[in-house]
Amino acid sequence: MPVLKVSDEAGNLAEILVNSGTIPQEHSEDALHIALVTVNGIDMSALLYAMIA
């Protein structure tokens, strides 16, 4: 599985997700994970399947 670098775009999106209340502050790492897959065009369901398979 490739390692994704945290771009400014991903960091900004994660910040928006937390600041808007979409993702609680205590789960800010999850917001970053969601932002990373979003800006990189990764299908989250495929990623989750790969992690449990």
PDB file of N, CA and C in Angstrom:
ATOM      1  N   MET A   1       0.849  -1.159   0.000  1.00  0.00           N
ATOM      2  CA  MET A   1       0.000   0.000   0.000  1.00  0.00           C
ATOM      3  C   MET A   1       0.904   1.234   0.000  1.00  0.00           C
ATOM      4  N   PRO A   2       0.672   2.175  -0.920  1.00  0.00           N
ATOM      5  CA  PRO A   2       1.519   3.368  -0.970  1.00  0.00           C
ATOM      6  C   PRO A   2       1.285   4.293   0.224  1.00  0.00           C
ATOM      7  N   VAL A   3       2.318   5.014   0.578  1.00  0.00           N
ATOM      8  CA  VAL A   3       2.223   6.008   1.651  1.00  0.00           C
ATOM      9  C   VAL A   3       1.891   7.352   1.009  1.00  0.00           C
ATOM     10  N   LEU A   4       0.858   7.993   1.503  1.00  0.00           N
ATOM     11  CA  LEU A   4       0.433   9.285   0.971  1.00  0.00           C
ATOM     12  C   LEU A   4       1.016  10.410   1.811  1.00  0.00           C
ATOM     13  N   LYS A   5       1.512  11.431   1.144  1.00  0.00           N
ATOM     14  CA  LYS A   5       2.020  12.609   1.849  1.00  0.00           C
ATOM     15  C   LYS A   5       0.848  13.548   2.141  1.00  0.00           C
ATOM     16  N   VAL A   6       0.927  14.205   3.275  1.00  0.00           N
ATOM     17  CA  VAL A   6      -0.124  15.146   3.653  1.00  0.00           C
ATOM     18  C   VAL A   6       0.120  16.460   2.913  1.00  0.00           C
ATOM     19  N   SER A   7      -0.694  16.699   1.904  1.00  0.00           N
ATOM     20  CA  SER A   7      -0.586  17.936   1.126  1.00  0.00           C
ATOM     21  C   SER A   7      -1.317  19.062   1.861  1.00  0.00           C
ATOM     22  N   ASP A   8      -1.068  20.280   1.417  1.00  0.00           N
ATOM     23  CA  ASP A   8      -1.802  21.422   1.979  1.00  0.00           C
ATOM     24  C   ASP A   8      -3.296  21.239   1.771  1.00  0.00           C
ATOM     25  N   GLU A   9      -3.666  20.718   0.592  1.00  0.00           N
ATOM     26  CA  GLU A   9      -5.082  20.513   0.282  1.00  0.00           C
ATOM     27  C   GLU A   9      -5.724  19.540   1.271  1.00  0.00           C
ATOM     28  N   ALA A  10      -5.039  18.442   1.566  1.00  0.00           N
ATOM     29  CA  ALA A  10      -5.574  17.459   2.510  1.00  0.00           C
ATOM     30  C   ALA A  10      -5.640  18.043   3.917  1.00  0.00           C
ATOM     31  N   GLY A  11      -4.604  18.750   4.322  1.00  0.00           N
ATOM     32  CA  GLY A  11      -4.598  19.371   5.644  1.00  0.00           C
ATOM     33  C   GLY A  11      -5.711  20.386   5.809  1.00  0.00           C
ATOM     34  N   ASN A  12      -5.918  21.181   4.773  1.00  0.00           N
ATOM     35  CA  ASN A  12      -6.994  22.180   4.820  1.00  0.00           C
ATOM     36  C   ASN A  12      -8.364  21.519   4.889  1.00  0.00           C
ATOM     37  N   LEU A  13      -8.555  20.458   4.100  1.00  0.00           N
ATOM     38  CA  LEU A  13      -9.838  19.757   4.120  1.00  0.00           C
ATOM     39  C   LEU A  13     -10.085  19.126   5.486  1.00  0.00           C
ATOM     40  N   ALA A  14      -9.065  18.522   6.077  1.00  0.00           N
ATOM     41  CA  ALA A  14      -9.212  17.933   7.408  1.00  0.00           C
ATOM     42  C   ALA A  14      -9.600  19.001   8.427  1.00  0.00           C
ATOM     43  N   GLU A  15      -8.979  20.156   8.316  1.00  0.00           N
ATOM     44  CA  GLU A  15      -9.293  21.268   9.224  1.00  0.00           C
ATOM     45  C   GLU A  15     -10.745  21.714   9.052  1.00  0.00           C
ATOM     46  N   ILE A  16     -11.202  21.783   7.815  1.00  0.00           N
ATOM     47  CA  ILE A  16     -12.595  22.155   7.545  1.00  0.00           C
ATOM     48  C   ILE A  16     -13.545  21.122   8.143  1.00  0.00           C
ATOM     49  N   LEU A  17     -13.213  19.837   7.984  1.00  0.00           N
ATOM     50  CA  LEU A  17     -14.075  18.776   8.518  1.00  0.00           C
ATOM     51  C   LEU A  17     -14.219  18.880  10.038  1.00  0.00           C
ATOM     52  N   VAL A  18     -13.130  19.209  10.708  1.00  0.00           N
ATOM     53  CA  VAL A  18     -13.164  19.330  12.172  1.00  0.00           C
ATOM     54  C   VAL A  18     -13.834  20.642  12.590  1.00  0.00           C
ATOM     55  N   ASN A  19     -13.440  21.744  11.976  1.00  0.00           N
ATOM     56  CA  ASN A  19     -13.984  23.053  12.367  1.00  0.00           C
ATOM     57  C   ASN A  19     -15.475  23.181  12.094  1.00  0.00           C
ATOM     58  N   SER A  20     -15.975  22.458  11.101  1.00  0.00           N
ATOM     59  CA  SER A  20     -17.406  22.516  10.782  1.00  0.00           C
ATOM     60  C   SER A  20     -18.230  21.609  11.693  1.00  0.00           C
ATOM     61  N   GLY A  21     -17.535  20.771  12.482  1.00  0.00           N
ATOM     62  CA  GLY A  21     -18.236  19.847  13.363  1.00  0.00           C
ATOM     63  C   GLY A  21     -18.606  18.536  12.692  1.00  0.00           C
ATOM     64  N   THR A  22     -18.221  18.382  11.429  1.00  0.00           N
ATOM     65  CA  THR A  22     -18.510  17.138  10.714  1.00  0.00           C
ATOM     66  C   THR A  22     -17.789  15.966  11.372  1.00  0.00           C
ATOM     67  N   ILE A  23     -16.541  16.190  11.756  1.00  0.00           N
ATOM     68  CA  ILE A  23     -15.738  15.200  12.476  1.00  0.00           C
ATOM     69  C   ILE A  23     -15.371  15.836  13.817  1.00  0.00           C
ATOM     70  N   PRO A  24     -15.637  15.151  14.939  1.00  0.00           N
ATOM     71  CA  PRO A  24     -15.295  15.724  16.251  1.00  0.00           C
ATOM     72  C   PRO A  24     -13.785  15.945  16.408  1.00  0.00           C
ATOM     73  N   GLN A  25     -13.408  16.960  17.155  1.00  0.00           N
ATOM     74  CA  GLN A  25     -12.007  17.302  17.385  1.00  0.00           C
ATOM     75  C   GLN A  25     -11.205  16.100  17.881  1.00  0.00           C
ATOM     76  N   GLU A  26     -11.802  15.292  18.746  1.00  0.00           N
ATOM     77  CA  GLU A  26     -11.060  14.146  19.294  1.00  0.00           C
ATOM     78  C   GLU A  26     -10.785  13.066  18.249  1.00  0.00           C
ATOM     79  N   HIS A  27     -11.357  13.224  17.061  1.00  0.00           N
ATOM     80  CA  HIS A  27     -11.117  12.275  15.964  1.00  0.00           C
ATOM     81  C   HIS A  27     -10.474  12.984  14.776  1.00  0.00           C
ATOM     82  N   SER A  28      -9.628  13.960  15.072  1.00  0.00           N
ATOM     83  CA  SER A  28      -9.008  14.747  14.000  1.00  0.00           C
ATOM     84  C   SER A  28      -8.108  13.903  13.103  1.00  0.00           C
ATOM     85  N   GLU A  29      -7.508  12.827  13.641  1.00  0.00           N
ATOM     86  CA  GLU A  29      -6.706  11.938  12.792  1.00  0.00           C
ATOM     87  C   GLU A  29      -7.589  11.249  11.758  1.00  0.00           C
ATOM     88  N   ASP A  30      -8.814  10.903  12.141  1.00  0.00           N
ATOM     89  CA  ASP A  30      -9.750  10.315  11.183  1.00  0.00           C
ATOM     90  C   ASP A  30     -10.099  11.322  10.096  1.00  0.00           C
ATOM     91  N   ALA A  31     -10.243  12.587  10.477  1.00  0.00           N
ATOM     92  CA  ALA A  31     -10.527  13.636   9.492  1.00  0.00           C
ATOM     93  C   ALA A  31      -9.391  13.723   8.480  1.00  0.00           C
ATOM     94  N   LEU A  32      -8.171  13.589   8.955  1.00  0.00           N
ATOM     95  CA  LEU A  32      -7.023  13.631   8.050  1.00  0.00           C
ATOM     96  C   LEU A  32      -7.022  12.421   7.123  1.00  0.00           C
ATOM     97  N   HIS A  33      -7.340  11.253   7.645  1.00  0.00           N
ATOM     98  CA  HIS A  33      -7.420  10.050   6.798  1.00  0.00           C
ATOM     99  C   HIS A  33      -8.477  10.230   5.713  1.00  0.00           C
ATOM    100  N   ILE A  34      -9.630  10.742   6.091  1.00  0.00           N
ATOM    101  CA  ILE A  34     -10.713  10.972   5.126  1.00  0.00           C
ATOM    102  C   ILE A  34     -10.272  11.992   4.082  1.00  0.00           C
ATOM    103  N   ALA A  35      -9.619  13.052   4.521  1.00  0.00           N
ATOM    104  CA  ALA A  35      -9.148  14.080   3.594  1.00  0.00           C
ATOM    105  C   ALA A  35      -8.101  13.525   2.633  1.00  0.00           C
ATOM    106  N   LEU A  36      -7.206  12.692   3.137  1.00  0.00           N
ATOM    107  CA  LEU A  36      -6.168  12.112   2.281  1.00  0.00           C
ATOM    108  C   LEU A  36      -6.754  11.252   1.172  1.00  0.00           C
ATOM    109  N   VAL A  37      -7.699  10.385   1.515  1.00  0.00           N
ATOM    110  CA  VAL A  37      -8.277   9.538   0.466  1.00  0.00           C
ATOM    111  C   VAL A  37      -9.129  10.364  -0.490  1.00  0.00           C
ATOM    112  N   THR A  38      -9.759  11.418   0.016  1.00  0.00           N
ATOM    113  CA  THR A  38     -10.600  12.265  -0.831  1.00  0.00           C
ATOM    114  C   THR A  38      -9.769  13.011  -1.867  1.00  0.00           C
ATOM    115  N   VAL A  39      -8.718  13.693  -1.435  1.00  0.00           N
ATOM    116  CA  VAL A  39      -7.930  14.492  -2.382  1.00  0.00           C
ATOM    117  C   VAL A  39      -7.110  13.622  -3.326  1.00  0.00           C
ATOM    118  N   ASN A  40      -6.891  12.368  -2.955  1.00  0.00           N
ATOM    119  CA  ASN A  40      -6.144  11.462  -3.820  1.00  0.00           C
ATOM    120  C   ASN A  40      -7.043  10.568  -4.661  1.00  0.00           C
ATOM    121  N   GLY A  41      -8.357  10.763  -4.563  1.00  0.00           N
ATOM    122  CA  GLY A  41      -9.297  10.026  -5.401  1.00  0.00           C
ATOM    123  C   GLY A  41      -9.357   8.541  -5.112  1.00  0.00           C
ATOM    124  N   ILE A  42      -9.154   8.175  -3.853  1.00  0.00           N
ATOM    125  CA  ILE A  42      -9.169   6.765  -3.468  1.00  0.00           C
ATOM    126  C   ILE A  42     -10.563   6.381  -3.003  1.00  0.00           C
ATOM    127  N   ASP A  43     -11.046   5.243  -3.496  1.00  0.00           N
ATOM    128  CA  ASP A  43     -12.348   4.719  -3.085  1.00  0.00           C
ATOM    129  C   ASP A  43     -12.200   4.179  -1.663  1.00  0.00           C
ATOM    130  N   MET A  44     -12.827   4.840  -0.709  1.00  0.00           N
ATOM    131  CA  MET A  44     -12.692   4.471   0.702  1.00  0.00           C
ATOM    132  C   MET A  44     -13.139   3.041   0.956  1.00  0.00           C
ATOM    133  N   SER A  45     -14.199   2.588   0.289  1.00  0.00           N
ATOM    134  CA  SER A  45     -14.673   1.221   0.518  1.00  0.00           C
ATOM    135  C   SER A  45     -13.625   0.218   0.055  1.00  0.00           C
ATOM    136  N   ALA A  46     -12.926   0.508  -1.036  1.00  0.00           N
ATOM    137  CA  ALA A  46     -11.867  -0.382  -1.509  1.00  0.00           C
ATOM    138  C   ALA A  46     -10.706  -0.393  -0.525  1.00  0.00           C
ATOM    139  N   LEU A  47     -10.397   0.766   0.032  1.00  0.00           N
ATOM    140  CA  LEU A  47      -9.318   0.857   1.007  1.00  0.00           C
ATOM    141  C   LEU A  47      -9.648   0.049   2.255  1.00  0.00           C
ATOM    142  N   LEU A  48     -10.867   0.186   2.761  1.00  0.00           N
ATOM    143  CA  LEU A  48     -11.267  -0.562   3.953  1.00  0.00           C
ATOM    144  C   LEU A  48     -11.264  -2.058   3.685  1.00  0.00           C
ATOM    145  N   TYR A  49     -11.705  -2.472   2.505  1.00  0.00           N
ATOM    146  CA  TYR A  49     -11.702  -3.894   2.157  1.00  0.00           C
ATOM    147  C   TYR A  49     -10.274  -4.422   2.138  1.00  0.00           C
ATOM    148  N   ALA A  50      -9.349  -3.659   1.567  1.00  0.00           N
ATOM    149  CA  ALA A  50      -7.953  -4.086   1.499  1.00  0.00           C
ATOM    150  C   ALA A  50      -7.356  -4.232   2.892  1.00  0.00           C
ATOM    151  N   MET A  51      -7.806  -3.410   3.831  1.00  0.00           N
ATOM    152  CA  MET A  51      -7.269  -3.463   5.189  1.00  0.00           C
ATOM    153  C   MET A  51      -7.754  -4.691   5.952  1.00  0.00           C
ATOM    154  N   ILE A  52      -8.960  -5.177   5.646  1.00  0.00           N
ATOM    155  CA  ILE A  52      -9.489  -6.318   6.396  1.00  0.00           C
ATOM    156  C   ILE A  52      -9.324  -7.635   5.659  1.00  0.00           C
ATOM    157  N   ALA A  53      -8.973  -7.595   4.400  1.00  0.00           N
ATOM    158  CA  ALA A  53      -8.832  -8.830   3.606  1.00  0.00           C
ATOM    159  C   ALA A  53      -7.524  -9.522   3.900  1.00  0.00           C
TER     160      ALA A  53
END
